[in-house]
C-alpha atoms as a PDB file:
ATOM      1  CA  MET A   1      -2.872  10.503   6.621  1.00  0.00           C
ATOM      2  CA  GLY A   2      -3.472  12.708   9.624  1.00  0.00           C
ATOM      3  CA  GLU A   3      -2.114  15.704   8.358  1.00  0.00           C
ATOM      4  CA  LEU A   4      -4.154  15.475   4.953  1.00  0.00           C
ATOM      5  CA  LEU A   5      -7.332  14.333   6.431  1.00  0.00           C
ATOM      6  CA  ARG A   6      -9.335  14.117  10.022  1.00  0.00           C
ATOM      7  CA  LEU A   7     -11.573  11.484  10.937  1.00  0.00           C
ATOM      8  CA  GLU A   8     -13.906  12.618  13.612  1.00  0.00           C
ATOM      9  CA  LYS A   9     -17.123   9.913  14.854  1.00  0.00           C
ATOM     10  CA  GLU A  10     -20.347  10.314  16.906  1.00  0.00           C
ATOM     11  CA  GLN A  11     -23.386   8.978  17.113  1.00  0.00           C
ATOM     12  CA  GLY A  12     -23.023   6.594  14.325  1.00  0.00           C
ATOM     13  CA  VAL A  13     -21.562   8.902  12.113  1.00  0.00           C
ATOM     14  CA  ALA A  14     -18.035   9.319  11.166  1.00  0.00           C
ATOM     15  CA  THR A  15     -16.900  12.663   9.125  1.00  0.00           C
ATOM     16  CA  ILE A  16     -13.721  12.801   7.411  1.00  0.00           C
ATOM     17  CA  ILE A  17     -12.433  16.658   7.179  1.00  0.00           C
ATOM     18  CA  PHE A  18     -10.245  17.554   4.275  1.00  0.00           C
ATOM     19  CA  ASP A  19      -7.080  19.880   6.297  1.00  0.00           C
ATOM     20  CA  ARG A  20      -4.656  20.580   3.269  1.00  0.00           C
ATOM     21  CA  PRO A  21      -4.977  24.584   2.734  1.00  0.00           C
ATOM     22  CA  PRO A  22      -5.162  26.533   1.087  1.00  0.00           C
ATOM     23  CA  ALA A  23      -7.629  24.986  -1.396  1.00  0.00           C
ATOM     24  CA  ASN A  24      -7.906  21.134   0.394  1.00  0.00           C
ATOM     25  CA  ALA A  25      -6.063  20.486  -3.303  1.00  0.00           C
ATOM     26  CA  LEU A  26      -6.891  16.806  -3.814  1.00  0.00           C
ATOM     27  CA  ALA A  27      -3.329  15.540  -4.596  1.00  0.00           C
ATOM     28  CA  SER A  28      -2.831  11.704  -4.943  1.00  0.00           C
ATOM     29  CA  SER A  29      -1.672  11.581  -1.799  1.00  0.00           C
ATOM     30  CA  VAL A  30      -5.026  12.734  -0.571  1.00  0.00           C
ATOM     31  CA  LEU A  31      -7.009  10.268  -2.463  1.00  0.00           C
ATOM     32  CA  LEU A  32      -4.897   7.627  -1.299  1.00  0.00           C
ATOM     33  CA  ALA A  33      -5.916   8.885   2.794  1.00  0.00           C
ATOM     34  CA  LEU A  34      -9.230   9.350   1.664  1.00  0.00           C
ATOM     35  CA  ALA A  35      -8.957   5.394   1.073  1.00  0.00           C
ATOM     36  CA  GLU A  36      -7.366   4.275   3.687  1.00  0.00           C
ATOM     37  CA  HIS A  37     -10.314   6.149   5.900  1.00  0.00           C
ATOM     38  CA  LEU A  38     -12.800   3.908   3.995  1.00  0.00           C
ATOM     39  CA  ASN A  39     -11.163   1.122   4.568  1.00  0.00           C
ATOM     40  CA  SER A  40     -11.243   1.619   8.560  1.00  0.00           C
ATOM     41  CA  ILE A  41     -14.684   2.755   8.402  1.00  0.00           C
ATOM     42  CA  GLU A  42     -16.658  -0.165   5.677  1.00  0.00           C
ATOM     43  CA  ASN A  43     -16.126  -2.796   8.462  1.00  0.00           C
ATOM     44  CA  ASP A  44     -17.098  -0.479  11.683  1.00  0.00           C
ATOM     45  CA  GLU A  45     -20.306  -1.541  12.623  1.00  0.00           C
ATOM     46  CA  GLU A  46     -20.781   1.553  14.627  1.00  0.00           C
ATOM     47  CA  VAL A  47     -20.411   3.873  11.631  1.00  0.00           C
ATOM     48  CA  ARG A  48     -23.755   4.298   9.927  1.00  0.00           C
ATOM     49  CA  VAL A  49     -23.199   7.328   7.674  1.00  0.00           C
ATOM     50  CA  ILE A  50     -20.147   9.371   6.584  1.00  0.00           C
ATOM     51  CA  VAL A  51     -19.724  12.903   6.049  1.00  0.00           C
ATOM     52  CA  ILE A  52     -17.041  14.553   3.667  1.00  0.00           C
ATOM     53  CA  ARG A  53     -16.379  18.758   4.216  1.00  0.00           C
ATOM     54  CA  GLY A  54     -13.498  20.798   3.978  1.00  0.00           C
ATOM     55  CA  GLU A  55     -11.610  22.797   6.687  1.00  0.00           C
ATOM     56  CA  GLY A  56     -10.831  26.155   6.138  1.00  0.00           C
ATOM     57  CA  ARG A  57     -11.910  28.425   2.826  1.00  0.00           C
ATOM     58  CA  PHE A  58     -13.365  25.350   0.652  1.00  0.00           C
ATOM     59  CA  PHE A  59     -14.829  22.174   0.208  1.00  0.00           C
ATOM     60  CA  SER A  60     -12.150  21.228  -2.310  1.00  0.00           C
ATOM     61  CA  ALA A  61     -11.057  23.588  -4.903  1.00  0.00           C
ATOM     62  CA  GLY A  62      -9.610  20.807  -7.596  1.00  0.00           C
ATOM     63  CA  ALA A  63      -7.366  18.948  -7.796  1.00  0.00           C
ATOM     64  CA  ASP A  64      -3.426  19.897  -7.434  1.00  0.00           C
ATOM     65  CA  ILE A  65      -2.357  20.604 -10.546  1.00  0.00           C
ATOM     66  CA  LYS A  66       1.629  21.756  -9.554  1.00  0.00           C
ATOM     67  CA  GLU A  67       1.583  17.484  -9.501  1.00  0.00           C
ATOM     68  CA  PHE A  68       0.560  17.002 -12.605  1.00  0.00           C
ATOM     69  CA  THR A  69       3.947  18.653 -13.675  1.00  0.00           C
ATOM     70  CA  THR A  70       5.568  15.674 -12.173  1.00  0.00           C
ATOM     71  CA  ILE A  71       3.922  13.401 -14.875  1.00  0.00           C
ATOM     72  CA  GLU A  72       5.343  13.033 -18.314  1.00  0.00           C
ATOM     73  CA  SER A  73       3.629  10.541 -20.273  1.00  0.00           C
ATOM     74  CA  LYS A  74      -0.416   9.609 -21.695  1.00  0.00           C
ATOM     75  CA  GLU A  75      -0.553   6.461 -19.717  1.00  0.00           C
ATOM     76  CA  GLY A  76       0.710   8.411 -16.519  1.00  0.00           C
ATOM     77  CA  PHE A  77      -2.283  10.657 -16.570  1.00  0.00           C
ATOM     78  CA  SER A  78      -4.685   8.208 -17.763  1.00  0.00           C
ATOM     79  CA  ASN A  79      -3.549   5.828 -14.858  1.00  0.00           C
ATOM     80  CA  LEU A  80      -4.357   8.788 -12.589  1.00  0.00           C
ATOM     81  CA  ALA A  81      -7.491   9.422 -13.717  1.00  0.00           C
ATOM     82  CA  ARG A  82      -8.253   5.973 -13.289  1.00  0.00           C
ATOM     83  CA  GLN A  83      -7.068   5.889  -9.703  1.00  0.00           C
ATOM     84  CA  GLY A  84      -9.493   8.660  -9.157  1.00  0.00           C
ATOM     85  CA  GLN A  85     -12.605   7.012 -11.591  1.00  0.00           C
ATOM     86  CA  GLN A  86     -12.074   3.729  -9.066  1.00  0.00           C
ATOM     87  CA  LEU A  87     -12.052   5.969  -6.007  1.00  0.00           C
ATOM     88  CA  PHE A  88     -14.955   7.784  -6.688  1.00  0.00           C
ATOM     89  CA  GLU A  89     -16.790   4.973  -8.194  1.00  0.00           C
ATOM     90  CA  ARG A  90     -15.935   2.862  -4.917  1.00  0.00           C
ATOM     91  CA  MET A  91     -17.957   5.965  -3.058  1.00  0.00           C
ATOM     92  CA  GLU A  92     -20.860   5.774  -5.007  1.00  0.00           C
ATOM     93  CA  THR A  93     -21.277   2.317  -4.387  1.00  0.00           C
ATOM     94  CA  PHE A  94     -20.261   1.974  -1.211  1.00  0.00           C
ATOM     95  CA  SER A  95     -22.567   0.098   1.621  1.00  0.00           C
ATOM     96  CA  LYS A  96     -22.935   3.305   3.679  1.00  0.00           C
ATOM     97  CA  PRO A  97     -24.103   6.638   3.187  1.00  0.00           C
ATOM     98  CA  ILE A  98     -21.542   9.906   2.083  1.00  0.00           C
ATOM     99  CA  ILE A  99     -22.786  12.887   2.647  1.00  0.00           C
ATOM    100  CA  ALA A 100     -20.705  16.097   1.062  1.00  0.00           C
ATOM    101  CA  ALA A 101     -21.210  19.147   2.975  1.00  0.00           C
ATOM    102  CA  ILE A 102     -20.002  22.036   0.713  1.00  0.00           C
ATOM    103  CA  HIS A 103     -18.883  25.240   1.337  1.00  0.00           C
ATOM    104  CA  GLY A 104     -16.662  27.923  -0.663  1.00  0.00           C
ATOM    105  CA  ALA A 105     -15.896  25.958  -3.644  1.00  0.00           C
ATOM    106  CA  ALA A 106     -16.248  22.459  -5.035  1.00  0.00           C
ATOM    107  CA  LEU A 107     -14.211  23.027  -8.417  1.00  0.00           C
ATOM    108  CA  GLY A 108     -12.837  20.059 -11.136  1.00  0.00           C
ATOM    109  CA  GLY A 109     -11.898  17.267  -8.512  1.00  0.00           C
ATOM    110  CA  GLY A 110     -13.646  18.480  -5.799  1.00  0.00           C
ATOM    111  CA  LEU A 111     -16.749  18.561  -7.514  1.00  0.00           C
ATOM    112  CA  GLU A 112     -16.127  15.369  -9.111  1.00  0.00           C
ATOM    113  CA  LEU A 113     -15.496  13.976  -5.415  1.00  0.00           C
ATOM    114  CA  ALA A 114     -18.589  15.104  -4.147  1.00  0.00           C
ATOM    115  CA  MET A 115     -20.765  13.808  -7.474  1.00  0.00           C
ATOM    116  CA  ALA A 116     -19.694  10.591  -5.923  1.00  0.00           C
ATOM    117  CA  CYS A 117     -21.652  11.313  -2.691  1.00  0.00           C
ATOM    118  CA  HIS A 118     -25.236   9.708  -1.953  1.00  0.00           C
ATOM    119  CA  MET A 119     -26.138  13.426  -1.176  1.00  0.00           C
ATOM    120  CA  ARG A 120     -25.085  16.988  -1.407  1.00  0.00           C
ATOM    121  CA  PHE A 121     -25.965  20.253   0.715  1.00  0.00           C
ATOM    122  CA  VAL A 122     -24.376  23.357   0.223  1.00  0.00           C
ATOM    123  CA  THR A 123     -24.197  26.873   1.145  1.00  0.00           C
ATOM    124  CA  LYS A 124     -26.225  29.512  -0.773  1.00  0.00           C
ATOM    125  CA  THR A 125     -22.818  31.035  -2.182  1.00  0.00           C
ATOM    126  CA  ALA A 126     -20.349  28.043  -2.817  1.00  0.00           C
ATOM    127  CA  LYS A 127     -18.950  27.658  -6.076  1.00  0.00           C
ATOM    128  CA  LEU A 128     -19.413  24.279  -7.665  1.00  0.00           C
ATOM    129  CA  GLY A 129     -17.996  23.739 -10.931  1.00  0.00           C
ATOM    130  CA  LEU A 130     -15.857  21.486 -13.553  1.00  0.00           C
ATOM    131  CA  PRO A 131     -13.125  24.590 -15.222  1.00  0.00           C
ATOM    132  CA  GLU A 132     -10.639  22.333 -16.555  1.00  0.00           C
ATOM    133  CA  LEU A 133     -11.233  23.581 -20.586  1.00  0.00           C
ATOM    134  CA  GLN A 134     -10.004  26.662 -18.843  1.00  0.00           C
ATOM    135  CA  LEU A 135      -6.931  25.398 -18.812  1.00  0.00           C
ATOM    136  CA  GLY A 136      -7.107  23.162 -22.255  1.00  0.00           C
ATOM    137  CA  LEU A 137      -7.939  19.680 -20.091  1.00  0.00           C
ATOM    138  CA  VAL A 138     -11.139  17.834 -20.024  1.00  0.00           C
ATOM    139  CA  PRO A 139     -12.143  16.342 -15.938  1.00  0.00           C
ATOM    140  CA  GLY A 140     -10.510  13.203 -15.305  1.00  0.00           C
ATOM    141  CA  PHE A 141     -12.628  11.736 -12.403  1.00  0.00           C
ATOM    142  CA  ALA A 142     -15.684  10.997 -14.524  1.00  0.00           C
ATOM    143  CA  GLY A 143     -17.216  14.790 -13.529  1.00  0.00           C
ATOM    144  CA  SER A 144     -18.015  14.377 -17.461  1.00  0.00           C
ATOM    145  CA  GLN A 145     -20.274  11.438 -17.187  1.00  0.00           C
ATOM    146  CA  ARG A 146     -21.616  12.211 -14.017  1.00  0.00           C
ATOM    147  CA  LEU A 147     -23.056  15.467 -14.250  1.00  0.00           C
ATOM    148  CA  PRO A 148     -25.213  15.237 -17.054  1.00  0.00           C
ATOM    149  CA  ARG A 149     -26.370  12.626 -14.709  1.00  0.00           C
ATOM    150  CA  TYR A 150     -27.396  15.696 -11.826  1.00  0.00           C
ATOM    151  CA  VAL A 151     -27.707  18.746 -14.276  1.00  0.00           C
ATOM    152  CA  GLY A 152     -29.173  16.829 -17.743  1.00  0.00           C
ATOM    153  CA  MET A 153     -27.459  17.409 -21.128  1.00  0.00           C
ATOM    154  CA  ALA A 154     -27.752  20.649 -21.922  1.00  0.00           C
ATOM    155  CA  LYS A 155     -26.329  22.354 -19.009  1.00  0.00           C
ATOM    156  CA  ALA A 156     -23.612  19.795 -18.220  1.00  0.00           C
ATOM    157  CA  THR A 157     -22.749  20.866 -21.985  1.00  0.00           C
ATOM    158  CA  GLU A 158     -23.180  24.511 -20.699  1.00  0.00           C
ATOM    159  CA  MET A 159     -20.597  24.105 -17.505  1.00  0.00           C
ATOM    160  CA  LEU A 160     -17.785  22.024 -19.450  1.00  0.00           C
ATOM    161  CA  LEU A 161     -17.260  23.969 -22.586  1.00  0.00           C
ATOM    162  CA  THR A 162     -17.813  27.396 -20.575  1.00  0.00           C
ATOM    163  CA  SER A 163     -16.141  27.122 -17.100  1.00  0.00           C
ATOM    164  CA  ASP A 164     -18.390  29.195 -15.801  1.00  0.00           C
ATOM    165  CA  PRO A 165     -19.464  27.840 -11.920  1.00  0.00           C
ATOM    166  CA  ILE A 166     -22.883  27.428 -10.647  1.00  0.00           C
ATOM    167  CA  THR A 167     -24.054  28.946  -7.429  1.00  0.00           C
ATOM    168  CA  GLY A 168     -25.317  26.739  -4.393  1.00  0.00           C
ATOM    169  CA  GLU A 169     -28.714  28.044  -4.645  1.00  0.00           C
ATOM    170  CA  GLU A 170     -28.225  27.273  -8.450  1.00  0.00           C
ATOM    171  CA  ALA A 171     -27.063  23.542  -8.011  1.00  0.00           C
ATOM    172  CA  VAL A 172     -30.219  22.853  -6.027  1.00  0.00           C
ATOM    173  CA  LYS A 173     -32.486  24.530  -9.094  1.00  0.00           C
ATOM    174  CA  TRP A 174     -30.606  22.121 -11.317  1.00  0.00           C
ATOM    175  CA  GLY A 175     -30.515  18.717  -9.432  1.00  0.00           C
ATOM    176  CA  LEU A 176     -26.549  18.943  -8.091  1.00  0.00           C
ATOM    177  CA  ALA A 177     -27.118  19.448  -5.094  1.00  0.00           C
ATOM    178  CA  ASN A 178     -29.848  18.452  -2.162  1.00  0.00           C
ATOM    179  CA  ALA A 179     -30.570  21.782  -0.105  1.00  0.00           C
ATOM    180  CA  ALA A 180     -28.530  25.441  -0.085  1.00  0.00           C
ATOM    181  CA  LEU A 181     -27.901  26.800   3.586  1.00  0.00           C
ATOM    182  CA  GLU A 182     -26.508  29.835   4.978  1.00  0.00           C
ATOM    183  CA  GLU A 183     -22.562  29.463   5.975  1.00  0.00           C
ATOM    184  CA  ASP A 184     -23.250  28.697   9.506  1.00  0.00           C
ATOM    185  CA  GLN A 185     -26.167  26.250   9.374  1.00  0.00           C
ATOM    186  CA  LEU A 186     -24.540  23.986   6.965  1.00  0.00           C
ATOM    187  CA  VAL A 187     -22.386  21.549   9.471  1.00  0.00           C
ATOM    188  CA  GLU A 188     -25.433  20.988  11.750  1.00  0.00           C
ATOM    189  CA  TYR A 189     -27.834  20.553   9.192  1.00  0.00           C
ATOM    190  CA  VAL A 190     -26.008  17.749   7.586  1.00  0.00           C
ATOM    191  CA  SER A 191     -25.236  16.519  11.140  1.00  0.00           C
ATOM    192  CA  LYS A 192     -28.329  16.230  11.786  1.00  0.00           C
ATOM    193  CA  ILE A 193     -29.538  14.498   8.320  1.00  0.00           C
ATOM    194  CA  ALA A 194     -26.802  11.957   8.876  1.00  0.00           C
ATOM    195  CA  ARG A 195     -27.986  11.248  12.364  1.00  0.00           C
ATOM    196  CA  LYS A 196     -31.605  10.586  11.549  1.00  0.00           C
ATOM    197  CA  ILE A 197     -30.075   7.582   8.370  1.00  0.00           C
ATOM    198  CA  ALA A 198     -27.739   6.657  11.085  1.00  0.00           C
ATOM    199  CA  LEU A 199     -30.845   5.066  13.108  1.00  0.00           C
ATOM    200  CA  LYS A 200     -31.922   3.336  10.028  1.00  0.00           C
ATOM    201  CA  GLY A 201     -31.376  -0.193   9.862  1.00  0.00           C
ATOM    202  CA  PRO A 202     -28.053  -0.951   7.915  1.00  0.00           C
ATOM    203  CA  LEU A 203     -29.001  -3.918   5.998  1.00  0.00           C
ATOM    204  CA  ALA A 204     -31.899  -1.685   4.538  1.00  0.00           C
ATOM    205  CA  VAL A 205     -29.742   0.947   3.896  1.00  0.00           C
ATOM    206  CA  LYS A 206     -27.237  -1.031   2.195  1.00  0.00           C
ATOM    207  CA  HIS A 207     -29.889  -2.298  -0.394  1.00  0.00           C
ATOM    208  CA  THR A 208     -31.002   0.308  -1.113  1.00  0.00           C
ATOM    209  CA  LEU A 209     -27.684   2.114  -2.240  1.00  0.00           C
ATOM    210  CA  ASN A 210     -27.004  -0.979  -4.334  1.00  0.00           C
ATOM    211  CA  LEU A 211     -30.232  -0.349  -5.976  1.00  0.00           C
ATOM    212  CA  VAL A 212     -30.606   3.095  -7.077  1.00  0.00           C
ATOM    213  CA  ASN A 213     -27.432   2.463  -8.814  1.00  0.00           C
ATOM    214  CA  TYR A 214     -28.920   0.672 -11.270  1.00  0.00           C
ATOM    215  CA  SER A 215     -30.040   4.071 -12.771  1.00  0.00           C
ATOM    216  CA  LYS A 216     -26.438   4.677 -14.545  1.00  0.00           C
ATOM    217  CA  HIS A 217     -26.956   4.142 -18.289  1.00  0.00           C
ATOM    218  CA  GLU A 218     -25.511   0.927 -19.840  1.00  0.00           C
ATOM    219  CA  ARG A 219     -22.890   3.268 -20.979  1.00  0.00           C
ATOM    220  CA  TYR A 220     -21.427   4.940 -18.405  1.00  0.00           C
ATOM    221  CA  ALA A 221     -18.373   2.790 -17.389  1.00  0.00           C
ATOM    222  CA  GLU A 222     -17.587   3.512 -21.544  1.00  0.00           C
ATOM    223  CA  GLY A 223     -17.917   6.636 -20.933  1.00  0.00           C
ATOM    224  CA  VAL A 224     -15.782   7.058 -18.008  1.00  0.00           C
ATOM    225  CA  GLU A 225     -12.670   4.605 -19.728  1.00  0.00           C
ATOM    226  CA  GLN A 226     -12.718   7.259 -23.064  1.00  0.00           C
ATOM    227  CA  GLU A 227     -12.932  10.319 -20.340  1.00  0.00           C
ATOM    228  CA  ALA A 228      -9.537   8.653 -18.522  1.00  0.00           C
ATOM    229  CA  ASP A 229      -7.902   8.024 -22.024  1.00  0.00           C
ATOM    230  CA  ALA A 230      -9.113  11.583 -23.242  1.00  0.00           C
ATOM    231  CA  PHE A 231      -7.603  13.075 -20.133  1.00  0.00           C
ATOM    232  CA  GLY A 232      -3.803  11.252 -20.594  1.00  0.00           C
ATOM    233  CA  LYS A 233      -4.091  12.728 -24.226  1.00  0.00           C
ATOM    234  CA  VAL A 234      -4.716  16.314 -23.978  1.00  0.00           C
ATOM    235  CA  PHE A 235      -2.527  16.710 -20.934  1.00  0.00           C
ATOM    236  CA  VAL A 236       0.689  15.595 -23.068  1.00  0.00           C
ATOM    237  CA  SER A 237      -1.207  17.765 -25.999  1.00  0.00           C
ATOM    238  CA  GLU A 238       0.823  21.253 -26.526  1.00  0.00           C
ATOM    239  CA  ASP A 239      -2.586  22.935 -25.113  1.00  0.00           C
ATOM    240  CA  GLY A 240      -2.542  20.684 -22.121  1.00  0.00           C
ATOM    241  CA  GLN A 241       0.903  21.762 -21.576  1.00  0.00           C
ATOM    242  CA  GLU A 242       0.301  25.458 -22.014  1.00  0.00           C
ATOM    243  CA  GLY A 243      -2.429  25.082 -19.790  1.00  0.00           C
ATOM    244  CA  ILE A 244      -0.608  23.857 -16.856  1.00  0.00           C
ATOM    245  CA  LYS A 245       2.080  26.362 -17.195  1.00  0.00           C
ATOM    246  CA  ALA A 246      -0.042  29.674 -17.822  1.00  0.00           C
ATOM    247  CA  PHE A 247      -2.011  28.351 -14.677  1.00  0.00           C
ATOM    248  CA  ILE A 248       1.480  28.125 -12.515  1.00  0.00           C
ATOM    249  CA  GLU A 249       2.508  31.119 -13.827  1.00  0.00           C
ATOM    250  CA  LYS A 250      -0.811  32.977 -13.760  1.00  0.00           C
ATOM    251  CA  ARG A 251      -1.627  34.102 -16.742  1.00  0.00           C
ATOM    252  CA  GLN A 252      -3.989  33.750 -19.390  1.00  0.00           C
ATOM    253  CA  PRO A 253      -3.596  30.733 -21.887  1.00  0.00           C
ATOM    254  CA  VAL A 254      -2.561  31.152 -25.846  1.00  0.00           C
ATOM    255  CA  PHE A 255      -4.287  27.970 -27.687  1.00  0.00           C
ATOM    256  CA  LYS A 256      -3.401  26.800 -30.787  1.00  0.00           C
ATOM    257  CA  GLY A 257      -5.714  23.679 -30.843  1.00  0.00           C
ATOM    258  CA  LYS A 258      -2.583  21.135 -30.705  1.00  0.00           C
END
């Protein structure tokens, strides 16, 4: 677990650092390590706030595409989607605040993870997006359901269908991020926010986090389940396999609608 994620604790704040160069890709082993860290933090009374950030060039540039080549069935892909969905739902409903500090890029699964955090602070030039359709795929970790909640239906549809990312500054404008900062200011700014929250009463913080989750619409869970099913269907399609193959071969995919 230590090879994939580092955990540091200071002044009531636990910082989880992705350290899987070069892109901090979210392989299933990384998701498992993250879940184990959350297990260790949840009942630790000394930890009041959690910060998640990436080491190196990126927060997380997405899922581990090469890992996808080891899965053969629709059910396997759908189960992978549900694994990520369940973890990110746990994060969004976690009893302690989780803050994402995003630099470089949060793409695909990286952005889906960031959207499961309670707050997102970004660098001004960071790139945030869901580029799955560029590979002939769809988001699998509830990205199709969370993104419209933050940026609205029209902007979410644009981002999904074009695969174009937005900058950190644009993310603040659209409501996807709380604030955009210079690269050298991000970590200290987020630490300051986290330490401020850590001084609040833990019971009040826990109930507040629970209350804000009531803003989810009543069909959210249904949408997440439909996403997992679609994730499996498109992966085993001809276009899905072509998209993955083209990505690995570093070429433009040729989609046929099959």
